Amino acid sequence: DMLMEMGAAKHSGGNMQKLDWVDLKAWAEVTGADIPANEFKALIEMSSAYVSQFYASLESNCLAPHLTALPNRAVVESKIQSLFTMLRGKPK
């Protein structure tokens, strides 16, 4: 929740970048949040992971988060053909 409240990343020069200690310290001072050092480190790591995944997701071969592997093309093709066959067989 805290990471999303402060913003998971920052934009600089048109690029998304991970948050750093200065960003987190400024946010903590403005909001009055008392954040232990180990949580600062965890927030920076989460921000880094967010930015890494953002850029990885721009690639056309990036899997959706819920997939562990690409679906078998032949299986998908067969299912789609079956659906069209069923649709053609139904009277209007």
C-alpha atoms as a PDB file:
ATOM      1  CA  ASP A   1       0.000   0.000   0.000  1.00  0.00           C
ATOM      2  CA  MET A   2       2.772   2.420   0.916  1.00  0.00           C
ATOM      3  CA  LEU A   3       4.577   1.919  -2.407  1.00  0.00           C
ATOM      4  CA  MET A   4       1.437   2.631  -4.422  1.00  0.00           C
ATOM      5  CA  GLU A   5       0.638   5.638  -2.234  1.00  0.00           C
ATOM      6  CA  MET A   6       4.027   7.227  -2.888  1.00  0.00           C
ATOM      7  CA  GLY A   7       4.132   6.068  -6.511  1.00  0.00           C
ATOM      8  CA  ALA A   8       5.861   2.864  -7.547  1.00  0.00           C
ATOM      9  CA  ALA A   9       8.358   4.699  -9.758  1.00  0.00           C
ATOM     10  CA  LYS A  10       9.451   8.114 -10.886  1.00  0.00           C
ATOM     11  CA  HIS A  11       9.790   9.625 -14.342  1.00  0.00           C
ATOM     12  CA  SER A  12      12.976  11.346 -15.360  1.00  0.00           C
ATOM     13  CA  GLY A  13      13.988  12.390 -18.843  1.00  0.00           C
ATOM     14  CA  GLY A  14      11.023  10.547 -20.339  1.00  0.00           C
ATOM     15  CA  ASN A  15      12.010   7.255 -18.704  1.00  0.00           C
ATOM     16  CA  MET A  16      10.574   5.395 -15.752  1.00  0.00           C
ATOM     17  CA  GLN A  17      13.099   4.890 -12.959  1.00  0.00           C
ATOM     18  CA  LYS A  18      13.039   3.168  -9.596  1.00  0.00           C
ATOM     19  CA  LEU A  19      12.575   5.233  -6.465  1.00  0.00           C
ATOM     20  CA  ASP A  20      15.704   5.929  -4.450  1.00  0.00           C
ATOM     21  CA  TRP A  21      16.502   6.856  -0.852  1.00  0.00           C
ATOM     22  CA  VAL A  22      16.042  10.571  -1.543  1.00  0.00           C
ATOM     23  CA  ASP A  23      12.537  10.014  -2.963  1.00  0.00           C
ATOM     24  CA  LEU A  24      11.454   7.852  -0.031  1.00  0.00           C
ATOM     25  CA  LYS A  25      12.958  10.200   2.557  1.00  0.00           C
ATOM     26  CA  ALA A  26      11.182  13.183   0.996  1.00  0.00           C
ATOM     27  CA  TRP A  27       7.863  11.316   0.959  1.00  0.00           C
ATOM     28  CA  ALA A  28       8.312  10.229   4.590  1.00  0.00           C
ATOM     29  CA  GLU A  29       9.093  13.800   5.667  1.00  0.00           C
ATOM     30  CA  VAL A  30       6.079  15.245   3.839  1.00  0.00           C
ATOM     31  CA  THR A  31       3.647  12.627   5.133  1.00  0.00           C
ATOM     32  CA  GLY A  32       5.172  12.230   8.595  1.00  0.00           C
ATOM     33  CA  ALA A  33       5.539   8.483   8.019  1.00  0.00           C
ATOM     34  CA  ASP A  34       8.016   6.683  10.270  1.00  0.00           C
ATOM     35  CA  ILE A  35       9.680   4.144   7.984  1.00  0.00           C
ATOM     36  CA  PRO A  36      12.404   1.864   9.403  1.00  0.00           C
ATOM     37  CA  ALA A  37      15.585   1.483   7.317  1.00  0.00           C
ATOM     38  CA  ASN A  38      14.802  -2.125   6.388  1.00  0.00           C
ATOM     39  CA  GLU A  39      11.432  -1.030   4.959  1.00  0.00           C
ATOM     40  CA  PHE A  40      13.148   1.705   2.939  1.00  0.00           C
ATOM     41  CA  LYS A  41      15.321  -1.004   1.401  1.00  0.00           C
ATOM     42  CA  ALA A  42      12.295  -3.224   0.678  1.00  0.00           C
ATOM     43  CA  LEU A  43      10.420  -0.313  -0.928  1.00  0.00           C
ATOM     44  CA  ILE A  44      13.386   0.441  -3.190  1.00  0.00           C
ATOM     45  CA  GLU A  45      13.595  -3.227  -4.207  1.00  0.00           C
ATOM     46  CA  MET A  46       9.847  -3.310  -4.955  1.00  0.00           C
ATOM     47  CA  SER A  47      10.149  -0.135  -7.004  1.00  0.00           C
ATOM     48  CA  SER A  48      13.043  -1.677  -8.936  1.00  0.00           C
ATOM     49  CA  ALA A  49      10.998  -4.832  -9.616  1.00  0.00           C
ATOM     50  CA  TYR A  50       8.042  -2.695 -10.758  1.00  0.00           C
ATOM     51  CA  VAL A  51      10.181  -0.751 -13.236  1.00  0.00           C
ATOM     52  CA  SER A  52      11.887  -3.922 -14.512  1.00  0.00           C
ATOM     53  CA  GLN A  53       8.531  -5.601 -15.134  1.00  0.00           C
ATOM     54  CA  PHE A  54       7.153  -2.470 -16.788  1.00  0.00           C
ATOM     55  CA  TYR A  55       9.942  -2.513 -19.377  1.00  0.00           C
ATOM     56  CA  ALA A  56       9.820  -6.310 -19.780  1.00  0.00           C
ATOM     57  CA  SER A  57       6.076  -6.031 -20.455  1.00  0.00           C
ATOM     58  CA  LEU A  58       6.734  -3.814 -23.461  1.00  0.00           C
ATOM     59  CA  GLU A  59       8.248  -6.785 -25.280  1.00  0.00           C
ATOM     60  CA  SER A  60       5.817  -8.691 -27.505  1.00  0.00           C
ATOM     61  CA  ASN A  61       7.003 -12.047 -26.145  1.00  0.00           C
ATOM     62  CA  CYS A  62       6.330 -11.146 -22.491  1.00  0.00           C
ATOM     63  CA  LEU A  63       3.939 -13.595 -20.847  1.00  0.00           C
ATOM     64  CA  ALA A  64       0.891 -12.369 -18.984  1.00  0.00           C
ATOM     65  CA  PRO A  65       1.414 -12.593 -15.207  1.00  0.00           C
ATOM     66  CA  HIS A  66      -1.035 -15.487 -14.869  1.00  0.00           C
ATOM     67  CA  LEU A  67       0.678 -17.627 -17.534  1.00  0.00           C
ATOM     68  CA  THR A  68       3.656 -19.852 -16.869  1.00  0.00           C
ATOM     69  CA  ALA A  69       4.077 -20.779 -20.547  1.00  0.00           C
ATOM     70  CA  LEU A  70       2.614 -19.840 -23.884  1.00  0.00           C
ATOM     71  CA  PRO A  71      -0.449 -21.866 -24.854  1.00  0.00           C
ATOM     72  CA  ASN A  72       0.083 -24.605 -27.436  1.00  0.00           C
ATOM     73  CA  ARG A  73      -0.713 -23.050 -30.808  1.00  0.00           C
ATOM     74  CA  ALA A  74      -2.173 -26.272 -32.255  1.00  0.00           C
ATOM     75  CA  VAL A  75      -4.531 -26.682 -29.282  1.00  0.00           C
ATOM     76  CA  VAL A  76      -5.748 -23.091 -29.541  1.00  0.00           C
ATOM     77  CA  GLU A  77      -6.232 -23.443 -33.306  1.00  0.00           C
ATOM     78  CA  SER A  78      -8.239 -26.636 -32.828  1.00  0.00           C
ATOM     79  CA  LYS A  79     -10.506 -25.015 -30.232  1.00  0.00           C
ATOM     80  CA  ILE A  80     -11.161 -21.997 -32.445  1.00  0.00           C
ATOM     81  CA  GLN A  81     -11.954 -24.220 -35.428  1.00  0.00           C
ATOM     82  CA  SER A  82     -14.394 -26.183 -33.262  1.00  0.00           C
ATOM     83  CA  LEU A  83     -16.129 -22.986 -32.204  1.00  0.00           C
ATOM     84  CA  PHE A  84     -16.528 -21.792 -35.800  1.00  0.00           C
ATOM     85  CA  THR A  85     -17.792 -25.218 -36.832  1.00  0.00           C
ATOM     86  CA  MET A  86     -20.422 -25.062 -34.090  1.00  0.00           C
ATOM     87  CA  LEU A  87     -21.433 -21.543 -35.111  1.00  0.00           C
ATOM     88  CA  ARG A  88     -21.812 -22.528 -38.781  1.00  0.00           C
ATOM     89  CA  GLY A  89     -23.986 -25.501 -37.812  1.00  0.00           C
ATOM     90  CA  LYS A  90     -26.537 -23.411 -35.890  1.00  0.00           C
ATOM     91  CA  PRO A  91     -29.650 -22.265 -37.808  1.00  0.00           C
ATOM     92  CA  LYS A  92     -30.367 -18.526 -37.926  1.00  0.00           C
END
